Amino acid sequence: MSIYIGSLPPYAEEAKLVDVFQKYGRVEIRVCEGFAFADYREQREADDAMFDLEAMLKKDGLIAGYNCTLAWGKRSIIAKYVEELAAKKKKEAEKKERRMREDE
């Protein structure tokens, strides 16, 4: 799952970001000019990072010494939608199966 880190200065250092984001799990940081992505393998790790780091931004205004913004990366948004859709379909199938058993 991917977290978008925006409004970074052009001199942002990958190592500083890794130090902060790796506290939540195994992460790969991809730094571009002015932004970066923190990619986690597990949704729970990304959720924990986003929750804690958004609170840190509200409190201090900085992450790893940078005044930046956080948002879910497109991959994460799509992955969450796919998970929710699968869960919805599973629930509907379970309801249908229960109804069929009750009708027997």
PDB file of N, CA and C in Angstrom:
ATOM      1  N   MET A   1       0.839  -1.164   0.000  1.00  0.00           N
ATOM      2  CA  MET A   1       0.000   0.000   0.000  1.00  0.00           C
ATOM      3  C   MET A   1       0.887   1.232   0.000  1.00  0.00           C
ATOM      4  N   SER A   2       0.450   2.245  -0.652  1.00  0.00           N
ATOM      5  CA  SER A   2       1.313   3.380  -0.939  1.00  0.00           C
ATOM      6  C   SER A   2       0.805   4.676  -0.304  1.00  0.00           C
ATOM      7  N   ILE A   3       1.731   5.392   0.332  1.00  0.00           N
ATOM      8  CA  ILE A   3       1.431   6.705   0.892  1.00  0.00           C
ATOM      9  C   ILE A   3       2.199   7.738   0.060  1.00  0.00           C
ATOM     10  N   TYR A   4       1.480   8.726  -0.410  1.00  0.00           N
ATOM     11  CA  TYR A   4       2.072   9.827  -1.169  1.00  0.00           C
ATOM     12  C   TYR A   4       2.547  10.875  -0.180  1.00  0.00           C
ATOM     13  N   ILE A   5       3.787  11.303  -0.316  1.00  0.00           N
ATOM     14  CA  ILE A   5       4.376  12.345   0.531  1.00  0.00           C
ATOM     15  C   ILE A   5       4.634  13.535  -0.380  1.00  0.00           C
ATOM     16  N   GLY A   6       3.848  14.574  -0.224  1.00  0.00           N
ATOM     17  CA  GLY A   6       3.930  15.714  -1.127  1.00  0.00           C
ATOM     18  C   GLY A   6       4.588  16.928  -0.522  1.00  0.00           C
ATOM     19  N   SER A   7       4.827  17.908  -1.348  1.00  0.00           N
ATOM     20  CA  SER A   7       5.408  19.201  -0.960  1.00  0.00           C
ATOM     21  C   SER A   7       6.789  19.074  -0.321  1.00  0.00           C
ATOM     22  N   LEU A   8       7.562  18.102  -0.778  1.00  0.00           N
ATOM     23  CA  LEU A   8       8.923  17.943  -0.258  1.00  0.00           C
ATOM     24  C   LEU A   8       9.865  18.912  -0.961  1.00  0.00           C
ATOM     25  N   PRO A   9      10.888  19.372  -0.251  1.00  0.00           N
ATOM     26  CA  PRO A   9      11.879  20.216  -0.920  1.00  0.00           C
ATOM     27  C   PRO A   9      12.714  19.374  -1.885  1.00  0.00           C
ATOM     28  N   PRO A  10      13.333  19.989  -2.864  1.00  0.00           N
ATOM     29  CA  PRO A  10      14.108  19.227  -3.848  1.00  0.00           C
ATOM     30  C   PRO A  10      15.312  18.497  -3.244  1.00  0.00           C
ATOM     31  N   TYR A  11      15.731  18.902  -2.070  1.00  0.00           N
ATOM     32  CA  TYR A  11      16.880  18.279  -1.414  1.00  0.00           C
ATOM     33  C   TYR A  11      16.466  17.188  -0.413  1.00  0.00           C
ATOM     34  N   ALA A  12      15.212  16.764  -0.416  1.00  0.00           N
ATOM     35  CA  ALA A  12      14.734  15.750   0.526  1.00  0.00           C
ATOM     36  C   ALA A  12      15.576  14.477   0.419  1.00  0.00           C
ATOM     37  N   GLU A  13      15.936  13.933   1.579  1.00  0.00           N
ATOM     38  CA  GLU A  13      16.806  12.755   1.627  1.00  0.00           C
ATOM     39  C   GLU A  13      16.001  11.484   1.901  1.00  0.00           C
ATOM     40  N   GLU A  14      16.229  10.488   1.088  1.00  0.00           N
ATOM     41  CA  GLU A  14      15.550   9.198   1.240  1.00  0.00           C
ATOM     42  C   GLU A  14      15.793   8.617   2.632  1.00  0.00           C
ATOM     43  N   ALA A  15      17.012   8.676   3.113  1.00  0.00           N
ATOM     44  CA  ALA A  15      17.370   8.078   4.409  1.00  0.00           C
ATOM     45  C   ALA A  15      16.547   8.667   5.556  1.00  0.00           C
ATOM     46  N   LYS A  16      16.314   9.971   5.530  1.00  0.00           N
ATOM     47  CA  LYS A  16      15.513  10.608   6.582  1.00  0.00           C
ATOM     48  C   LYS A  16      14.076  10.084   6.559  1.00  0.00           C
ATOM     49  N   LEU A  17      13.533   9.927   5.375  1.00  0.00           N
ATOM     50  CA  LEU A  17      12.167   9.415   5.248  1.00  0.00           C
ATOM     51  C   LEU A  17      12.091   7.954   5.670  1.00  0.00           C
ATOM     52  N   VAL A  18      13.069   7.170   5.277  1.00  0.00           N
ATOM     53  CA  VAL A  18      13.107   5.754   5.669  1.00  0.00           C
ATOM     54  C   VAL A  18      13.124   5.636   7.188  1.00  0.00           C
ATOM     55  N   ASP A  19      13.931   6.456   7.866  1.00  0.00           N
ATOM     56  CA  ASP A  19      14.008   6.416   9.325  1.00  0.00           C
ATOM     57  C   ASP A  19      12.636   6.582   9.975  1.00  0.00           C
ATOM     58  N   VAL A  20      11.834   7.456   9.417  1.00  0.00           N
ATOM     59  CA  VAL A  20      10.501   7.713   9.990  1.00  0.00           C
ATOM     60  C   VAL A  20       9.513   6.614   9.603  1.00  0.00           C
ATOM     61  N   PHE A  21       9.452   6.264   8.336  1.00  0.00           N
ATOM     62  CA  PHE A  21       8.419   5.354   7.843  1.00  0.00           C
ATOM     63  C   PHE A  21       8.686   3.885   8.187  1.00  0.00           C
ATOM     64  N   GLN A  22       9.933   3.492   8.388  1.00  0.00           N
ATOM     65  CA  GLN A  22      10.227   2.086   8.682  1.00  0.00           C
ATOM     66  C   GLN A  22       9.780   1.668  10.082  1.00  0.00           C
ATOM     67  N   LYS A  23       9.421   2.609  10.908  1.00  0.00           N
ATOM     68  CA  LYS A  23       8.919   2.291  12.255  1.00  0.00           C
ATOM     69  C   LYS A  23       7.600   1.521  12.188  1.00  0.00           C
ATOM     70  N   TYR A  24       6.925   1.576  11.051  1.00  0.00           N
ATOM     71  CA  TYR A  24       5.603   0.967  10.904  1.00  0.00           C
ATOM     72  C   TYR A  24       5.631  -0.340  10.127  1.00  0.00           C
ATOM     73  N   GLY A  25       6.792  -0.708   9.606  1.00  0.00           N
ATOM     74  CA  GLY A  25       6.906  -1.956   8.867  1.00  0.00           C
ATOM     75  C   GLY A  25       7.917  -1.829   7.750  1.00  0.00           C
ATOM     76  N   ARG A  26       8.070  -2.931   7.042  1.00  0.00           N
ATOM     77  CA  ARG A  26       9.002  -2.945   5.918  1.00  0.00           C
ATOM     78  C   ARG A  26       8.488  -1.982   4.848  1.00  0.00           C
ATOM     79  N   VAL A  27       9.326  -1.038   4.463  1.00  0.00           N
ATOM     80  CA  VAL A  27       8.896   0.017   3.546  1.00  0.00           C
ATOM     81  C   VAL A  27       9.958   0.280   2.488  1.00  0.00           C
ATOM     82  N   GLU A  28       9.479   0.634   1.317  1.00  0.00           N
ATOM     83  CA  GLU A  28      10.360   1.095   0.240  1.00  0.00           C
ATOM     84  C   GLU A  28       9.981   2.544  -0.031  1.00  0.00           C
ATOM     85  N   ILE A  29      10.965   3.424   0.013  1.00  0.00           N
ATOM     86  CA  ILE A  29      10.730   4.844  -0.247  1.00  0.00           C
ATOM     87  C   ILE A  29      11.235   5.165  -1.646  1.00  0.00           C
ATOM     88  N   ARG A  30      10.364   5.799  -2.432  1.00  0.00           N
ATOM     89  CA  ARG A  30      10.752   6.255  -3.776  1.00  0.00           C
ATOM     90  C   ARG A  30      10.674   7.778  -3.772  1.00  0.00           C
ATOM     91  N   VAL A  31      11.827   8.427  -3.872  1.00  0.00           N
ATOM     92  CA  VAL A  31      11.891   9.886  -3.827  1.00  0.00           C
ATOM     93  C   VAL A  31      12.029  10.450  -5.237  1.00  0.00           C
ATOM     94  N   CYS A  32      11.173  11.401  -5.535  1.00  0.00           N
ATOM     95  CA  CYS A  32      11.250  12.152  -6.785  1.00  0.00           C
ATOM     96  C   CYS A  32      11.424  13.621  -6.395  1.00  0.00           C
ATOM     97  N   GLU A  33      11.612  14.480  -7.339  1.00  0.00           N
ATOM     98  CA  GLU A  33      11.773  15.883  -6.989  1.00  0.00           C
ATOM     99  C   GLU A  33      10.432  16.473  -6.539  1.00  0.00           C
ATOM    100  N   GLY A  34      10.372  16.819  -5.272  1.00  0.00           N
ATOM    101  CA  GLY A  34       9.177  17.459  -4.722  1.00  0.00           C
ATOM    102  C   GLY A  34       8.164  16.519  -4.094  1.00  0.00           C
ATOM    103  N   PHE A  35       8.347  15.216  -4.244  1.00  0.00           N
ATOM    104  CA  PHE A  35       7.420  14.265  -3.637  1.00  0.00           C
ATOM    105  C   PHE A  35       8.087  12.900  -3.498  1.00  0.00           C
ATOM    106  N   ALA A  36       7.417  12.012  -2.779  1.00  0.00           N
ATOM    107  CA  ALA A  36       7.935  10.649  -2.599  1.00  0.00           C
ATOM    108  C   ALA A  36       6.762   9.718  -2.342  1.00  0.00           C
ATOM    109  N   PHE A  37       7.032   8.427  -2.411  1.00  0.00           N
ATOM    110  CA  PHE A  37       6.051   7.413  -2.053  1.00  0.00           C
ATOM    111  C   PHE A  37       6.673   6.484  -1.021  1.00  0.00           C
ATOM    112  N   ALA A  38       5.881   6.122  -0.028  1.00  0.00           N
ATOM    113  CA  ALA A  38       6.272   5.101   0.946  1.00  0.00           C
ATOM    114  C   ALA A  38       5.401   3.888   0.640  1.00  0.00           C
ATOM    115  N   ASP A  39       6.019   2.821   0.188  1.00  0.00           N
ATOM    116  CA  ASP A  39       5.287   1.616  -0.209  1.00  0.00           C
ATOM    117  C   ASP A  39       5.452   0.525   0.844  1.00  0.00           C
ATOM    118  N   TYR A  40       4.329   0.100   1.414  1.00  0.00           N
ATOM    119  CA  TYR A  40       4.301  -0.983   2.396  1.00  0.00           C
ATOM    120  C   TYR A  40       3.691  -2.219   1.752  1.00  0.00           C
ATOM    121  N   ARG A  41       4.079  -3.385   2.248  1.00  0.00           N
ATOM    122  CA  ARG A  41       3.505  -4.638   1.749  1.00  0.00           C
ATOM    123  C   ARG A  41       2.138  -4.903   2.378  1.00  0.00           C
ATOM    124  N   GLU A  42       1.974  -4.461   3.607  1.00  0.00           N
ATOM    125  CA  GLU A  42       0.746  -4.751   4.351  1.00  0.00           C
ATOM    126  C   GLU A  42      -0.089  -3.487   4.555  1.00  0.00           C
ATOM    127  N   GLN A  43      -1.381  -3.600   4.357  1.00  0.00           N
ATOM    128  CA  GLN A  43      -2.288  -2.464   4.534  1.00  0.00           C
ATOM    129  C   GLN A  43      -2.255  -1.950   5.967  1.00  0.00           C
ATOM    130  N   ARG A  44      -2.193  -2.866   6.936  1.00  0.00           N
ATOM    131  CA  ARG A  44      -2.189  -2.475   8.345  1.00  0.00           C
ATOM    132  C   ARG A  44      -1.006  -1.560   8.649  1.00  0.00           C
ATOM    133  N   GLU A  45       0.156  -1.870   8.093  1.00  0.00           N
ATOM    134  CA  GLU A  45       1.345  -1.046   8.322  1.00  0.00           C
ATOM    135  C   GLU A  45       1.144   0.354   7.732  1.00  0.00           C
ATOM    136  N   ALA A  46       0.609   0.419   6.542  1.00  0.00           N
ATOM    137  CA  ALA A  46       0.351   1.714   5.907  1.00  0.00           C
ATOM    138  C   ALA A  46      -0.695   2.501   6.689  1.00  0.00           C
ATOM    139  N   ASP A  47      -1.739   1.815   7.158  1.00  0.00           N
ATOM    140  CA  ASP A  47      -2.772   2.483   7.964  1.00  0.00           C
ATOM    141  C   ASP A  47      -2.177   3.075   9.235  1.00  0.00           C
ATOM    142  N   ASP A  48      -1.337   2.282   9.925  1.00  0.00           N
ATOM    143  CA  ASP A  48      -0.700   2.754  11.163  1.00  0.00           C
ATOM    144  C   ASP A  48       0.188   3.962  10.886  1.00  0.00           C
ATOM    145  N   ALA A  49       0.980   3.883   9.821  1.00  0.00           N
ATOM    146  CA  ALA A  49       1.862   4.995   9.464  1.00  0.00           C
ATOM    147  C   ALA A  49       1.051   6.251   9.161  1.00  0.00           C
ATOM    148  N   MET A  50       0.022   6.103   8.350  1.00  0.00           N
ATOM    149  CA  MET A  50      -0.791   7.265   7.973  1.00  0.00           C
ATOM    150  C   MET A  50      -1.435   7.895   9.211  1.00  0.00           C
ATOM    151  N   PHE A  51      -2.000   7.068  10.092  1.00  0.00           N
ATOM    152  CA  PHE A  51      -2.668   7.576  11.290  1.00  0.00           C
ATOM    153  C   PHE A  51      -1.686   8.360  12.167  1.00  0.00           C
ATOM    154  N   ASP A  52      -0.549   7.737  12.480  1.00  0.00           N
ATOM    155  CA  ASP A  52       0.420   8.377  13.373  1.00  0.00           C
ATOM    156  C   ASP A  52       1.076   9.600  12.744  1.00  0.00           C
ATOM    157  N   LEU A  53       1.430   9.493  11.478  1.00  0.00           N
ATOM    158  CA  LEU A  53       2.149  10.598  10.845  1.00  0.00           C
ATOM    159  C   LEU A  53       1.249  11.788  10.539  1.00  0.00           C
ATOM    160  N   GLU A  54      -0.027  11.548  10.272  1.00  0.00           N
ATOM    161  CA  GLU A  54      -0.956  12.681  10.121  1.00  0.00           C
ATOM    162  C   GLU A  54      -1.076  13.436  11.439  1.00  0.00           C
ATOM    163  N   ALA A  55      -1.115  12.686  12.552  1.00  0.00           N
ATOM    164  CA  ALA A  55      -1.167  13.321  13.877  1.00  0.00           C
ATOM    165  C   ALA A  55       0.111  14.118  14.128  1.00  0.00           C
ATOM    166  N   MET A  56       1.257  13.562  13.713  1.00  0.00           N
ATOM    167  CA  MET A  56       2.536  14.257  13.876  1.00  0.00           C
ATOM    168  C   MET A  56       2.541  15.555  13.071  1.00  0.00           C
ATOM    169  N   LEU A  57       2.009  15.506  11.857  1.00  0.00           N
ATOM    170  CA  LEU A  57       1.942  16.715  11.028  1.00  0.00           C
ATOM    171  C   LEU A  57       1.073  17.785  11.673  1.00  0.00           C
ATOM    172  N   LYS A  58      -0.060  17.364  12.233  1.00  0.00           N
ATOM    173  CA  LYS A  58      -0.951  18.332  12.881  1.00  0.00           C
ATOM    174  C   LYS A  58      -0.286  18.962  14.099  1.00  0.00           C
ATOM    175  N   LYS A  59       0.486  18.158  14.818  1.00  0.00           N
ATOM    176  CA  LYS A  59       1.134  18.642  16.041  1.00  0.00           C
ATOM    177  C   LYS A  59       2.361  19.499  15.741  1.00  0.00           C
ATOM    178  N   ASP A  60       3.294  18.937  14.969  1.00  0.00           N
ATOM    179  CA  ASP A  60       4.582  19.586  14.737  1.00  0.00           C
ATOM    180  C   ASP A  60       4.692  20.289  13.396  1.00  0.00           C
ATOM    181  N   GLY A  61       3.892  19.857  12.423  1.00  0.00           N
ATOM    182  CA  GLY A  61       3.978  20.417  11.085  1.00  0.00           C
ATOM    183  C   GLY A  61       5.119  19.855  10.255  1.00  0.00           C
ATOM    184  N   LEU A  62       5.846  18.875  10.823  1.00  0.00           N
ATOM    185  CA  LEU A  62       7.003  18.327  10.118  1.00  0.00           C
ATOM    186  C   LEU A  62       7.047  16.809  10.215  1.00  0.00           C
ATOM    187  N   ILE A  63       7.573  16.190   9.169  1.00  0.00           N
ATOM    188  CA  ILE A  63       7.910  14.769   9.174  1.00  0.00           C
ATOM    189  C   ILE A  63       9.340  14.684   8.659  1.00  0.00           C
ATOM    190  N   ALA A  64      10.205  14.051   9.429  1.00  0.00           N
ATOM    191  CA  ALA A  64      11.628  13.899   9.076  1.00  0.00           C
ATOM    192  C   ALA A  64      12.273  15.266   8.823  1.00  0.00           C
ATOM    193  N   GLY A  65      11.758  16.287   9.492  1.00  0.00           N
ATOM    194  CA  GLY A  65      12.296  17.632   9.323  1.00  0.00           C
ATOM    195  C   GLY A  65      11.762  18.380   8.120  1.00  0.00           C
ATOM    196  N   TYR A  66      10.807  17.793   7.429  1.00  0.00           N
ATOM    197  CA  TYR A  66      10.245  18.419   6.229  1.00  0.00           C
ATOM    198  C   TYR A  66       8.788  18.820   6.463  1.00  0.00           C
ATOM    199  N   ASN A  67       8.452  20.017   5.993  1.00  0.00           N
ATOM    200  CA  ASN A  67       7.061  20.457   5.998  1.00  0.00           C
ATOM    201  C   ASN A  67       6.441  19.847   4.739  1.00  0.00           C
ATOM    202  N   CYS A  68       5.606  18.814   4.912  1.00  0.00           N
ATOM    203  CA  CYS A  68       5.085  18.082   3.751  1.00  0.00           C
ATOM    204  C   CYS A  68       3.617  17.737   3.954  1.00  0.00           C
ATOM    205  N   THR A  69       3.056  17.051   3.005  1.00  0.00           N
ATOM    206  CA  THR A  69       1.668  16.590   3.073  1.00  0.00           C
ATOM    207  C   THR A  69       1.649  15.074   2.878  1.00  0.00           C
ATOM    208  N   LEU A  70       0.575  14.447   3.353  1.00  0.00           N
ATOM    209  CA  LEU A  70       0.393  13.008   3.177  1.00  0.00           C
ATOM    210  C   LEU A  70      -0.954  12.735   2.530  1.00  0.00           C
ATOM    211  N   ALA A  71      -0.997  11.732   1.685  1.00  0.00           N
ATOM    212  CA  ALA A  71      -2.255  11.279   1.075  1.00  0.00           C
ATOM    213  C   ALA A  71      -2.055   9.829   0.655  1.00  0.00           C
ATOM    214  N   TRP A  72      -3.156   9.134   0.476  1.00  0.00           N
ATOM    215  CA  TRP A  72      -3.048   7.765  -0.030  1.00  0.00           C
ATOM    216  C   TRP A  72      -2.627   7.803  -1.483  1.00  0.00           C
ATOM    217  N   GLY A  73      -1.698   6.950  -1.849  1.00  0.00           N
ATOM    218  CA  GLY A  73      -1.306   6.806  -3.243  1.00  0.00           C
ATOM    219  C   GLY A  73      -2.416   6.119  -4.016  1.00  0.00           C
ATOM    220  N   LYS A  74      -2.441   6.273  -5.308  1.00  0.00           N
ATOM    221  CA  LYS A  74      -3.500   5.681  -6.132  1.00  0.00           C
ATOM    222  C   LYS A  74      -3.580   4.170  -5.968  1.00  0.00           C
ATOM    223  N   ARG A  75      -2.432   3.512  -5.832  1.00  0.00           N
ATOM    224  CA  ARG A  75      -2.439   2.059  -5.646  1.00  0.00           C
ATOM    225  C   ARG A  75      -3.232   1.667  -4.408  1.00  0.00           C
ATOM    226  N   SER A  76      -3.056   2.438  -3.328  1.00  0.00           N
ATOM    227  CA  SER A  76      -3.752   2.126  -2.082  1.00  0.00           C
ATOM    228  C   SER A  76      -5.251   2.341  -2.217  1.00  0.00           C
ATOM    229  N   ILE A  77      -5.629   3.392  -2.887  1.00  0.00           N
ATOM    230  CA  ILE A  77      -7.053   3.675  -3.073  1.00  0.00           C
ATOM    231  C   ILE A  77      -7.702   2.540  -3.853  1.00  0.00           C
ATOM    232  N   ILE A  78      -7.057   2.095  -4.905  1.00  0.00           N
ATOM    233  CA  ILE A  78      -7.594   1.004  -5.723  1.00  0.00           C
ATOM    234  C   ILE A  78      -7.622  -0.290  -4.921  1.00  0.00           C
ATOM    235  N   ALA A  79      -6.554  -0.579  -4.184  1.00  0.00           N
ATOM    236  CA  ALA A  79      -6.492  -1.809  -3.392  1.00  0.00           C
ATOM    237  C   ALA A  79      -7.591  -1.835  -2.328  1.00  0.00           C
ATOM    238  N   LYS A  80      -7.807  -0.698  -1.659  1.00  0.00           N
ATOM    239  CA  LYS A  80      -8.872  -0.638  -0.646  1.00  0.00           C
ATOM    240  C   LYS A  80     -10.237  -0.876  -1.290  1.00  0.00           C
ATOM    241  N   TYR A  81     -10.476  -0.289  -2.455  1.00  0.00           N
ATOM    242  CA  TYR A  81     -11.747  -0.477  -3.150  1.00  0.00           C
ATOM    243  C   TYR A  81     -11.944  -1.947  -3.506  1.00  0.00           C
ATOM    244  N   VAL A  82     -10.904  -2.594  -4.015  1.00  0.00           N
ATOM    245  CA  VAL A  82     -10.996  -4.003  -4.392  1.00  0.00           C
ATOM    246  C   VAL A  82     -11.284  -4.861  -3.163  1.00  0.00           C
ATOM    247  N   GLU A  83     -10.618  -4.569  -2.036  1.00  0.00           N
ATOM    248  CA  GLU A  83     -10.865  -5.314  -0.796  1.00  0.00           C
ATOM    249  C   GLU A  83     -12.305  -5.135  -0.327  1.00  0.00           C
ATOM    250  N   GLU A  84     -12.796  -3.897  -0.330  1.00  0.00           N
ATOM    251  CA  GLU A  84     -14.165  -3.628   0.102  1.00  0.00           C
ATOM    252  C   GLU A  84     -15.171  -4.321  -0.805  1.00  0.00           C
ATOM    253  N   LEU A  85     -14.935  -4.300  -2.099  1.00  0.00           N
ATOM    254  CA  LEU A  85     -15.820  -4.943  -3.055  1.00  0.00           C
ATOM    255  C   LEU A  85     -15.842  -6.454  -2.832  1.00  0.00           C
ATOM    256  N   ALA A  86     -14.683  -7.052  -2.602  1.00  0.00           N
ATOM    257  CA  ALA A  86     -14.605  -8.496  -2.345  1.00  0.00           C
ATOM    258  C   ALA A  86     -15.339  -8.856  -1.063  1.00  0.00           C
ATOM    259  N   ALA A  87     -15.181  -8.029  -0.031  1.00  0.00           N
ATOM    260  CA  ALA A  87     -15.875  -8.281   1.240  1.00  0.00           C
ATOM    261  C   ALA A  87     -17.389  -8.176   1.054  1.00  0.00           C
ATOM    262  N   LYS A  88     -17.835  -7.207   0.279  1.00  0.00           N
ATOM    263  CA  LYS A  88     -19.262  -7.034   0.012  1.00  0.00           C
ATOM    264  C   LYS A  88     -19.825  -8.237  -0.735  1.00  0.00           C
ATOM    265  N   LYS A  89     -19.094  -8.696  -1.750  1.00  0.00           N
ATOM    266  CA  LYS A  89     -19.546  -9.861  -2.523  1.00  0.00           C
ATOM    267  C   LYS A  89     -19.585 -11.112  -1.642  1.00  0.00           C
ATOM    268  N   LYS A  90     -18.623 -11.255  -0.766  1.00  0.00           N
ATOM    269  CA  LYS A  90     -18.588 -12.408   0.134  1.00  0.00           C
ATOM    270  C   LYS A  90     -19.799 -12.387   1.065  1.00  0.00           C
ATOM    271  N   LYS A  91     -20.113 -11.218   1.626  1.00  0.00           N
ATOM    272  CA  LYS A  91     -21.279 -11.076   2.505  1.00  0.00           C
ATOM    273  C   LYS A  91     -22.561 -11.425   1.771  1.00  0.00           C
ATOM    274  N   GLU A  92     -22.701 -10.927   0.553  1.00  0.00           N
ATOM    275  CA  GLU A  92     -23.896 -11.197  -0.242  1.00  0.00           C
ATOM    276  C   GLU A  92     -24.027 -12.692  -0.535  1.00  0.00           C
ATOM    277  N   ALA A  93     -22.922 -13.341  -0.834  1.00  0.00           N
ATOM    278  CA  ALA A  93     -22.939 -14.783  -1.104  1.00  0.00           C
ATOM    279  C   ALA A  93     -23.329 -15.561   0.152  1.00  0.00           C
ATOM    280  N   GLU A  94     -22.826 -15.126   1.316  1.00  0.00           N
ATOM    281  CA  GLU A  94     -23.173 -15.784   2.573  1.00  0.00           C
ATOM    282  C   GLU A  94     -24.662 -15.619   2.882  1.00  0.00           C
ATOM    283  N   LYS A  95     -25.209 -14.426   2.646  1.00  0.00           N
ATOM    284  CA  LYS A  95     -26.636 -14.186   2.861  1.00  0.00           C
ATOM    285  C   LYS A  95     -27.477 -15.090   1.959  1.00  0.00           C
ATOM    286  N   LYS A  96     -27.081 -15.156   0.702  1.00  0.00           N
ATOM    287  CA  LYS A  96     -27.807 -15.979  -0.267  1.00  0.00           C
ATOM    288  C   LYS A  96     -27.770 -17.449   0.155  1.00  0.00           C
ATOM    289  N   GLU A  97     -26.614 -17.893   0.618  1.00  0.00           N
ATOM    290  CA  GLU A  97     -26.478 -19.291   1.053  1.00  0.00           C
ATOM    291  C   GLU A  97     -27.362 -19.569   2.272  1.00  0.00           C
ATOM    292  N   ARG A  98     -27.410 -18.619   3.227  1.00  0.00           N
ATOM    293  CA  ARG A  98     -28.266 -18.778   4.406  1.00  0.00           C
ATOM    294  C   ARG A  98     -29.737 -18.858   4.019  1.00  0.00           C
ATOM    295  N   ARG A  99     -30.150 -17.978   3.088  1.00  0.00           N
ATOM    296  CA  ARG A  99     -31.542 -17.991   2.627  1.00  0.00           C
ATOM    297  C   ARG A  99     -31.907 -19.313   1.985  1.00  0.00           C
ATOM    298  N   MET A 100     -30.966 -19.845   1.192  1.00  0.00           N
ATOM    299  CA  MET A 100     -31.224 -21.122   0.540  1.00  0.00           C
ATOM    300  C   MET A 100     -31.367 -22.250   1.569  1.00  0.00           C
ATOM    301  N   ARG A 101     -30.563 -22.207   2.619  1.00  0.00           N
ATOM    302  CA  ARG A 101     -30.669 -23.232   3.678  1.00  0.00           C
ATOM    303  C   ARG A 101     -31.987 -23.112   4.421  1.00  0.00           C
ATOM    304  N   GLU A 102     -32.406 -21.860   4.655  1.00  0.00           N
ATOM    305  CA  GLU A 102     -33.653 -21.636   5.373  1.00  0.00           C
ATOM    306  C   GLU A 102     -34.861 -22.086   4.548  1.00  0.00           C
ATOM    307  N   ASP A 103     -34.757 -21.953   3.245  1.00  0.00           N
ATOM    308  CA  ASP A 103     -35.855 -22.342   2.353  1.00  0.00           C
ATOM    309  C   ASP A 103     -35.979 -23.862   2.211  1.00  0.00           C
ATOM    310  N   GLU A 104     -34.945 -24.594   2.553  1.00  0.00           N
ATOM    311  CA  GLU A 104     -34.978 -26.071   2.388  1.00  0.00           C
ATOM    312  C   GLU A 104     -35.820 -26.735   3.422  1.00  0.00           C
TER     313      GLU A 104
END
